[in-house]
Amino acid sequence: MSEEKKKKDVKPEGDSVIKGVYQTYRAEFRKIVWPSRETLIKHTMTVIAVSIMFGIYIALTDGAFGWLFGRFVDLVG
């Protein structure tokens, strides 16, 4: 086995493990492409608008089913 292979097989211990994990996280964070302020605002507004639309849809559907259920109970009972 070559000397380089032996070095790769040795696992770091203690602080060197923490340092390695920290360096890995730091390297990954450097790869992140953060959105511009304008893009962030536009996407946030889109999420808010879609959430409001779904909320209205769910409220209307719930109200309709509640009304139908009430009519059914009056019919049966």
C-alpha atoms as a PDB file:
ATOM      1  CA  MET A   1       0.000   0.000   0.000  1.00  0.00           C
ATOM      2  CA  SER A   2       1.371   3.391  -0.906  1.00  0.00           C
ATOM      3  CA  GLU A   3       2.043   6.122   1.645  1.00  0.00           C
ATOM      4  CA  GLU A   4      -0.759   8.338   0.252  1.00  0.00           C
ATOM      5  CA  LYS A   5      -3.291   5.507   0.512  1.00  0.00           C
ATOM      6  CA  LYS A   6      -2.354   4.968   4.163  1.00  0.00           C
ATOM      7  CA  LYS A   7      -2.844   8.682   4.890  1.00  0.00           C
ATOM      8  CA  LYS A   8      -6.334   8.626   3.347  1.00  0.00           C
ATOM      9  CA  ASP A   9      -7.337   5.603   5.423  1.00  0.00           C
ATOM     10  CA  VAL A  10      -6.509   7.363   8.690  1.00  0.00           C
ATOM     11  CA  LYS A  11      -9.611   9.011  10.112  1.00  0.00           C
ATOM     12  CA  PRO A  12      -9.199  12.350  11.859  1.00  0.00           C
ATOM     13  CA  GLU A  13     -10.161  12.551  15.502  1.00  0.00           C
ATOM     14  CA  GLY A  14     -11.343  15.264  17.862  1.00  0.00           C
ATOM     15  CA  ASP A  15     -10.999  18.867  16.759  1.00  0.00           C
ATOM     16  CA  SER A  16      -9.889  17.918  13.260  1.00  0.00           C
ATOM     17  CA  VAL A  17     -13.279  16.236  12.644  1.00  0.00           C
ATOM     18  CA  ILE A  18     -15.110  19.376  13.733  1.00  0.00           C
ATOM     19  CA  LYS A  19     -12.788  21.524  11.662  1.00  0.00           C
ATOM     20  CA  GLY A  20     -13.371  19.306   8.623  1.00  0.00           C
ATOM     21  CA  VAL A  21     -17.147  19.489   9.013  1.00  0.00           C
ATOM     22  CA  TYR A  22     -16.973  23.258   9.443  1.00  0.00           C
ATOM     23  CA  GLN A  23     -14.853  23.609   6.310  1.00  0.00           C
ATOM     24  CA  THR A  24     -17.285  21.423   4.366  1.00  0.00           C
ATOM     25  CA  TYR A  25     -20.268  23.536   5.444  1.00  0.00           C
ATOM     26  CA  ARG A  26     -18.396  26.712   4.646  1.00  0.00           C
ATOM     27  CA  ALA A  27     -17.507  25.438   1.177  1.00  0.00           C
ATOM     28  CA  GLU A  28     -21.145  24.494   0.530  1.00  0.00           C
ATOM     29  CA  PHE A  29     -22.391  27.908   1.675  1.00  0.00           C
ATOM     30  CA  ARG A  30     -20.033  29.568  -0.781  1.00  0.00           C
ATOM     31  CA  LYS A  31     -21.828  27.718  -3.599  1.00  0.00           C
ATOM     32  CA  ILE A  32     -25.199  29.261  -2.721  1.00  0.00           C
ATOM     33  CA  VAL A  33     -26.480  31.849  -5.175  1.00  0.00           C
ATOM     34  CA  TRP A  34     -28.563  34.274  -3.143  1.00  0.00           C
ATOM     35  CA  PRO A  35     -31.459  36.017  -4.932  1.00  0.00           C
ATOM     36  CA  SER A  36     -31.479  39.742  -5.505  1.00  0.00           C
ATOM     37  CA  ARG A  37     -33.750  41.945  -3.412  1.00  0.00           C
ATOM     38  CA  GLU A  38     -36.137  42.450  -6.339  1.00  0.00           C
ATOM     39  CA  THR A  39     -36.401  38.699  -6.998  1.00  0.00           C
ATOM     40  CA  LEU A  40     -36.955  37.991  -3.321  1.00  0.00           C
ATOM     41  CA  ILE A  41     -39.753  40.564  -3.099  1.00  0.00           C
ATOM     42  CA  LYS A  42     -41.385  39.281  -6.297  1.00  0.00           C
ATOM     43  CA  HIS A  43     -41.329  35.664  -5.127  1.00  0.00           C
ATOM     44  CA  THR A  44     -42.582  36.611  -1.666  1.00  0.00           C
ATOM     45  CA  MET A  45     -45.525  38.504  -3.146  1.00  0.00           C
ATOM     46  CA  THR A  46     -46.326  35.522  -5.377  1.00  0.00           C
ATOM     47  CA  VAL A  47     -46.339  33.157  -2.393  1.00  0.00           C
ATOM     48  CA  ILE A  48     -48.591  35.526  -0.414  1.00  0.00           C
ATOM     49  CA  ALA A  49     -51.034  35.929  -3.347  1.00  0.00           C
ATOM     50  CA  VAL A  50     -51.259  32.175  -3.986  1.00  0.00           C
ATOM     51  CA  SER A  51     -51.716  31.506  -0.262  1.00  0.00           C
ATOM     52  CA  ILE A  52     -54.589  34.003  -0.102  1.00  0.00           C
ATOM     53  CA  MET A  53     -56.222  32.457  -3.189  1.00  0.00           C
ATOM     54  CA  PHE A  54     -56.000  28.956  -1.713  1.00  0.00           C
ATOM     55  CA  GLY A  55     -57.351  30.246   1.593  1.00  0.00           C
ATOM     56  CA  ILE A  56     -60.363  31.769  -0.147  1.00  0.00           C
ATOM     57  CA  TYR A  57     -60.905  28.561  -2.134  1.00  0.00           C
ATOM     58  CA  ILE A  58     -60.770  26.407   1.006  1.00  0.00           C
ATOM     59  CA  ALA A  59     -63.121  28.776   2.886  1.00  0.00           C
ATOM     60  CA  LEU A  60     -65.658  28.752   0.041  1.00  0.00           C
ATOM     61  CA  THR A  61     -65.459  24.974  -0.352  1.00  0.00           C
ATOM     62  CA  ASP A  62     -65.828  24.457   3.402  1.00  0.00           C
ATOM     63  CA  GLY A  63     -68.803  26.812   3.500  1.00  0.00           C
ATOM     64  CA  ALA A  64     -70.469  25.041   0.567  1.00  0.00           C
ATOM     65  CA  PHE A  65     -70.019  21.604   2.111  1.00  0.00           C
ATOM     66  CA  GLY A  66     -71.220  22.904   5.475  1.00  0.00           C
ATOM     67  CA  TRP A  67     -74.336  24.340   3.838  1.00  0.00           C
ATOM     68  CA  LEU A  68     -74.967  21.090   1.904  1.00  0.00           C
ATOM     69  CA  PHE A  69     -74.459  19.026   5.055  1.00  0.00           C
ATOM     70  CA  GLY A  70     -76.894  21.269   6.948  1.00  0.00           C
ATOM     71  CA  ARG A  71     -79.480  20.869   4.183  1.00  0.00           C
ATOM     72  CA  PHE A  72     -78.980  17.089   4.242  1.00  0.00           C
ATOM     73  CA  VAL A  73     -79.427  16.944   8.022  1.00  0.00           C
ATOM     74  CA  ASP A  74     -82.640  19.013   7.756  1.00  0.00           C
ATOM     75  CA  LEU A  75     -83.907  16.706   5.000  1.00  0.00           C
ATOM     76  CA  VAL A  76     -83.179  13.494   6.928  1.00  0.00           C
ATOM     77  CA  GLY A  77     -83.986  14.709  10.414  1.00  0.00           C
END
